[in-house]
Amino acid sequence: MSQNSPFRLDGKTVLITGAGGGIGRSLVAAFQAAGAAVVGADRKASMLEGLSLVRQVLFDQADSAATRAAIAADIAAHGVVDAVVSNAGFTRAEHFGQVDDAVWASEMAINLNGAYALTDPIVNAMAARGRGSVVFISSVNALQHFGNPAYAAAKAGLVAYAKAIAVERGGEGVRANVVAPGSVRTPAWDHRLAADPSLLDNVLPHYPLGRMVTPVEVANAALFLCSDAASGITGTVLPVDAGLTAGNLRFVDDVLRGK
């Protein structure tokens, strides 16, 4: 790819949270391949082992005060990054029968409140500078209901928050967009498949492409939205979901085709 390509990020610094996870490591690799200097954030330094980063920022995103303090300190020491990919997140509640006040609060703490504490000081600094890009890794659960109600509500909140940044900070040069993955084949699936090897037989028929998406495909979408190739794009949600939110393939097969 030409060094003048709008898809390149040469000379840019990008902060990626949850950098040590399955999607996070693919994000780091994709942004580095595009020429960016990557700052990796996660809860512990051990989670970032094996990654070539310009520096680390360590905090638990479930703790909003600690998150904001760590980011403020990084900005004070190094200046604000050119782009941030808010990727860290977590869920464990599959349906309402598994949700109570404590579960609801914990899901909101990391997936929404922590993401706000992370990005708010960055957005303010970007706006003062006059440019910057924010990408939130949300979920198809923000767009339609596939279970995980607390997680879904938090991820839907990220969509609203990104649109608010796009509208209110656009005049100050800040863009904000959302990537909404469907099921992503990361190591997080390993224990579920070990417990039920036939699980994918139930999952994949819902996806028009007949497969889950890969972490690299999610990373490439985030890279595009951070790059100058997307310079006119803000306030959008880009599903990376193998067609899941395009329509109900299972309905077509079961009802119309009679499979």
Protein backbone atom coordinates (compact mmCIF):
# COMPACT_ATOMS: atom_id res chain seq x y z
CA MET A 1 0.00 0.00 0.00
CA SER A 2 1.36 3.43 -0.95
CA GLN A 3 2.65 5.58 1.91
CA ASN A 4 0.29 8.27 0.57
CA SER A 5 -2.75 6.01 0.76
CA PRO A 6 -5.63 7.44 2.80
CA PHE A 7 -5.82 4.06 4.53
CA ARG A 8 -2.35 4.56 6.03
CA LEU A 9 -1.75 5.98 9.53
CA ASP A 10 1.94 6.84 9.27
CA GLY A 11 2.96 9.34 11.92
CA LYS A 12 -0.25 8.80 13.90
CA THR A 13 -0.54 7.47 17.44
CA VAL A 14 -3.52 5.30 18.34
CA LEU A 15 -4.70 4.13 21.76
CA ILE A 16 -6.33 0.68 21.79
CA THR A 17 -8.04 -0.59 24.94
CA GLY A 18 -8.43 -4.27 25.71
CA ALA A 19 -5.30 -4.60 23.62
CA GLY A 20 -4.36 -7.96 25.08
CA GLY A 21 -7.58 -9.73 24.10
CA GLY A 22 -8.57 -11.64 20.97
CA ILE A 23 -9.92 -8.62 19.09
CA GLY A 24 -7.43 -6.29 20.77
CA ARG A 25 -4.35 -8.10 19.48
CA SER A 26 -5.75 -8.03 15.95
CA LEU A 27 -6.42 -4.31 16.32
CA VAL A 28 -2.83 -3.73 17.41
CA ALA A 29 -1.48 -5.72 14.45
CA ALA A 30 -3.74 -4.00 11.90
CA PHE A 31 -2.94 -0.49 13.09
CA GLN A 32 0.78 -1.20 13.26
CA ALA A 33 0.71 -2.63 9.74
CA ALA A 34 -0.89 0.64 8.61
CA GLY A 35 2.02 2.59 10.10
CA ALA A 36 0.52 3.74 13.40
CA ALA A 37 2.36 3.87 16.71
CA VAL A 38 0.13 1.96 19.12
CA VAL A 39 -0.45 2.66 22.79
CA GLY A 40 -1.91 -0.45 24.42
CA ALA A 41 -4.25 -0.35 27.38
CA ASP A 42 -5.44 -3.23 29.54
CA ARG A 43 -5.92 -4.18 33.18
CA LYS A 44 -2.47 -5.69 33.76
CA ALA A 45 0.88 -5.54 32.02
CA SER A 46 0.91 -9.33 31.74
CA MET A 47 -2.08 -9.12 29.39
CA LEU A 48 0.02 -7.10 26.94
CA GLU A 49 2.94 -9.50 26.77
CA GLY A 50 4.24 -10.12 23.27
CA LEU A 51 2.91 -6.83 21.87
CA SER A 52 5.30 -4.22 20.50
CA LEU A 53 3.82 -1.01 21.89
CA VAL A 54 5.14 2.52 22.19
CA ARG A 55 3.84 2.46 25.77
CA GLN A 56 1.27 0.87 28.03
CA VAL A 57 -1.56 2.44 30.00
CA LEU A 58 -2.90 0.21 32.76
CA PHE A 59 -6.31 0.54 34.40
CA ASP A 60 -9.46 -1.43 35.12
CA GLN A 61 -12.17 0.07 32.94
CA ALA A 62 -14.80 -1.10 35.44
CA ASP A 63 -13.40 1.61 37.74
CA SER A 64 -14.37 4.90 36.09
CA ALA A 65 -12.32 7.11 38.40
CA ALA A 66 -9.16 5.04 37.90
CA THR A 67 -9.75 4.96 34.14
CA ARG A 68 -10.15 8.71 33.89
CA ALA A 69 -7.10 9.31 36.08
CA ALA A 70 -4.89 6.99 34.00
CA ILE A 71 -5.95 8.63 30.75
CA ALA A 72 -5.52 12.14 32.14
CA ALA A 73 -2.02 11.24 33.28
CA ASP A 74 -1.13 9.84 29.86
CA ILE A 75 -2.40 12.96 28.11
CA ALA A 76 -0.45 15.18 30.50
CA ALA A 77 2.74 13.20 29.88
CA HIS A 78 2.50 12.54 26.15
CA GLY A 79 -0.27 14.68 24.67
CA VAL A 80 -3.48 13.32 23.24
CA VAL A 81 -3.43 10.49 20.70
CA ASP A 82 -4.65 10.92 17.14
CA ALA A 83 -7.24 8.16 17.47
CA VAL A 84 -8.66 5.86 20.12
CA VAL A 85 -10.34 2.49 19.68
CA SER A 86 -12.49 1.77 22.72
CA ASN A 87 -12.47 -1.99 22.57
CA ALA A 88 -12.47 -3.24 26.18
CA GLY A 89 -15.70 -4.91 27.25
CA PHE A 90 -17.18 -7.90 28.99
CA THR A 91 -20.42 -9.84 29.39
CA ARG A 92 -21.61 -12.90 31.26
CA ALA A 93 -25.43 -12.64 31.49
CA GLU A 94 -27.17 -14.50 28.67
CA HIS A 95 -30.83 -13.70 29.39
CA PHE A 96 -33.06 -11.89 31.88
CA GLY A 97 -33.16 -14.92 34.17
CA GLN A 98 -29.46 -14.34 34.84
CA VAL A 99 -29.67 -10.56 35.37
CA ASP A 100 -29.98 -8.86 38.74
CA ASP A 101 -28.97 -5.41 40.03
CA ALA A 102 -25.37 -6.47 40.58
CA VAL A 103 -25.00 -7.97 37.10
CA TRP A 104 -26.66 -4.95 35.50
CA ALA A 105 -24.33 -2.57 37.35
CA SER A 106 -21.20 -4.55 36.47
CA GLU A 107 -22.10 -4.68 32.77
CA MET A 108 -22.76 -0.93 32.69
CA ALA A 109 -19.58 -0.19 34.63
CA ILE A 110 -17.15 -1.61 32.09
CA ASN A 111 -19.09 -1.46 28.82
CA LEU A 112 -20.61 2.03 29.07
CA ASN A 113 -19.51 4.04 32.10
CA GLY A 114 -15.89 2.99 31.75
CA ALA A 115 -15.91 3.70 28.02
CA TYR A 116 -17.20 7.19 28.77
CA ALA A 117 -14.55 7.78 31.44
CA LEU A 118 -11.92 6.62 28.95
CA THR A 119 -12.96 8.70 25.98
CA ASP A 120 -14.31 11.89 27.58
CA PRO A 121 -10.91 13.38 28.48
CA ILE A 122 -9.52 12.23 25.13
CA VAL A 123 -12.37 13.83 23.17
CA ASN A 124 -11.96 17.08 25.11
CA ALA A 125 -8.25 17.16 24.31
CA MET A 126 -8.87 16.24 20.66
CA ALA A 127 -11.42 19.04 20.36
CA ALA A 128 -8.98 21.55 21.86
CA ARG A 129 -6.38 20.44 19.30
CA GLY A 130 -8.89 20.52 16.43
CA ARG A 131 -8.81 16.91 15.20
CA GLY A 132 -9.17 13.30 16.27
CA SER A 133 -11.06 10.07 15.70
CA VAL A 134 -12.87 7.79 18.12
CA VAL A 135 -14.09 4.30 17.31
CA PHE A 136 -16.18 2.27 19.74
CA ILE A 137 -16.34 -1.50 19.43
CA SER A 138 -19.99 -2.11 20.23
CA SER A 139 -22.05 -5.16 19.19
CA VAL A 140 -24.96 -6.27 17.05
CA ASN A 141 -26.70 -6.58 20.43
CA ALA A 142 -26.96 -2.79 20.33
CA LEU A 143 -29.04 -3.01 17.16
CA GLN A 144 -31.25 -6.06 17.69
CA HIS A 145 -31.87 -8.37 20.62
CA PHE A 146 -29.83 -11.57 20.71
CA GLY A 147 -29.81 -12.05 24.48
CA ASN A 148 -27.37 -10.47 26.95
CA PRO A 149 -29.84 -7.70 27.92
CA ALA A 150 -27.57 -5.70 30.23
CA TYR A 151 -24.67 -5.90 27.79
CA ALA A 152 -27.01 -4.95 24.95
CA ALA A 153 -28.23 -1.86 26.80
CA ALA A 154 -24.67 -0.78 27.53
CA LYS A 155 -23.54 -1.31 23.95
CA ALA A 156 -26.58 0.59 22.65
CA GLY A 157 -25.53 3.41 24.94
CA LEU A 158 -22.19 3.54 23.11
CA VAL A 159 -24.03 4.12 19.85
CA ALA A 160 -25.91 7.07 21.34
CA TYR A 161 -22.73 8.43 22.91
CA ALA A 162 -20.82 8.19 19.61
CA LYS A 163 -23.58 10.09 17.82
CA ALA A 164 -23.47 12.78 20.51
CA ILE A 165 -19.73 13.21 20.01
CA ALA A 166 -20.20 13.30 16.24
CA VAL A 167 -22.84 16.00 16.43
CA GLU A 168 -21.46 18.19 19.20
CA ARG A 169 -17.74 17.82 18.53
CA GLY A 170 -17.74 17.59 14.74
CA GLY A 171 -17.21 21.33 14.38
CA GLU A 172 -14.04 20.91 16.44
CA GLY A 173 -12.65 18.24 14.12
CA VAL A 174 -13.53 15.13 16.13
CA ARG A 175 -15.13 12.14 14.41
CA ALA A 176 -16.81 9.28 16.29
CA ASN A 177 -18.02 6.00 14.82
CA VAL A 178 -19.05 2.54 15.95
CA VAL A 179 -18.15 -0.96 14.79
CA ALA A 180 -20.82 -3.50 15.71
CA PRO A 181 -19.47 -7.06 15.46
CA GLY A 182 -21.59 -10.17 15.48
CA SER A 183 -20.14 -13.35 16.96
CA VAL A 184 -16.36 -13.14 16.66
CA ARG A 185 -14.27 -16.31 16.67
CA THR A 186 -11.90 -15.51 19.51
CA PRO A 187 -10.48 -17.78 22.24
CA ALA A 188 -13.47 -16.75 24.37
CA TRP A 189 -15.46 -19.35 22.42
CA ASP A 190 -13.10 -22.19 23.27
CA HIS A 191 -14.64 -23.14 26.61
CA ARG A 192 -18.16 -23.03 25.16
CA LEU A 193 -17.21 -25.27 22.26
CA ALA A 194 -15.39 -27.62 24.62
CA ALA A 195 -18.59 -27.96 26.65
CA ASP A 196 -20.80 -28.32 23.57
CA PRO A 197 -18.99 -29.18 20.30
CA SER A 198 -22.28 -28.91 18.39
CA LEU A 199 -22.86 -25.29 19.44
CA LEU A 200 -21.85 -23.87 16.07
CA ASP A 201 -24.46 -26.05 14.39
CA ASN A 202 -27.03 -23.84 16.11
CA VAL A 203 -25.16 -20.57 15.71
CA LEU A 204 -23.99 -20.52 12.10
CA PRO A 205 -27.36 -21.01 10.33
CA HIS A 206 -28.31 -17.50 11.51
CA TYR A 207 -25.43 -15.95 9.56
CA PRO A 208 -25.87 -15.40 5.80
CA LEU A 209 -22.14 -15.89 5.23
CA GLY A 210 -22.37 -19.18 7.11
CA ARG A 211 -19.60 -18.32 9.55
CA MET A 212 -18.56 -16.03 12.37
CA VAL A 213 -16.39 -13.05 11.61
CA THR A 214 -12.72 -13.00 12.55
CA PRO A 215 -10.95 -10.52 14.83
CA VAL A 216 -8.99 -9.29 11.80
CA GLU A 217 -12.23 -8.34 10.03
CA VAL A 218 -13.32 -6.29 13.03
CA ALA A 219 -9.88 -4.66 13.22
CA ASN A 220 -9.93 -3.73 9.53
CA ALA A 221 -13.27 -1.96 9.96
CA ALA A 222 -11.95 0.05 12.91
CA LEU A 223 -8.80 0.90 10.95
CA PHE A 224 -10.86 2.22 8.05
CA LEU A 225 -12.97 4.42 10.33
CA CYS A 226 -9.86 5.89 11.98
CA SER A 227 -8.13 6.59 8.68
CA ASP A 228 -8.41 9.55 6.31
CA ALA A 229 -10.25 7.22 3.94
CA ALA A 230 -13.23 7.76 6.26
CA SER A 231 -12.63 11.50 6.73
CA GLY A 232 -16.22 12.33 5.79
CA ILE A 233 -17.78 9.64 7.97
CA THR A 234 -18.95 10.33 11.52
CA GLY A 235 -21.83 9.22 13.71
CA THR A 236 -22.21 5.92 11.86
CA VAL A 237 -22.59 2.31 12.94
CA LEU A 238 -20.81 -0.29 10.80
CA PRO A 239 -21.97 -3.88 11.44
CA VAL A 240 -19.26 -6.48 10.92
CA ASP A 241 -21.54 -9.44 11.39
CA ALA A 242 -21.46 -11.84 8.43
CA GLY A 243 -24.88 -10.49 7.45
CA LEU A 244 -26.68 -11.21 10.73
CA THR A 245 -28.49 -7.87 10.95
CA ALA A 246 -29.35 -7.82 7.22
CA GLY A 247 -32.30 -10.12 7.84
CA ASN A 248 -33.47 -13.42 9.27
CA LEU A 249 -31.91 -16.23 7.23
CA ARG A 250 -33.29 -18.87 9.61
CA PHE A 251 -36.83 -17.60 8.94
CA VAL A 252 -36.27 -17.81 5.18
CA ASP A 253 -34.92 -21.35 5.45
CA ASP A 254 -37.46 -22.66 7.95
CA VAL A 255 -40.62 -20.93 6.74
CA LEU A 256 -40.17 -20.19 3.04
CA ARG A 257 -37.76 -22.87 1.86
CA GLY A 258 -39.04 -25.49 4.28
CA LYS A 259 -35.58 -26.81 5.10
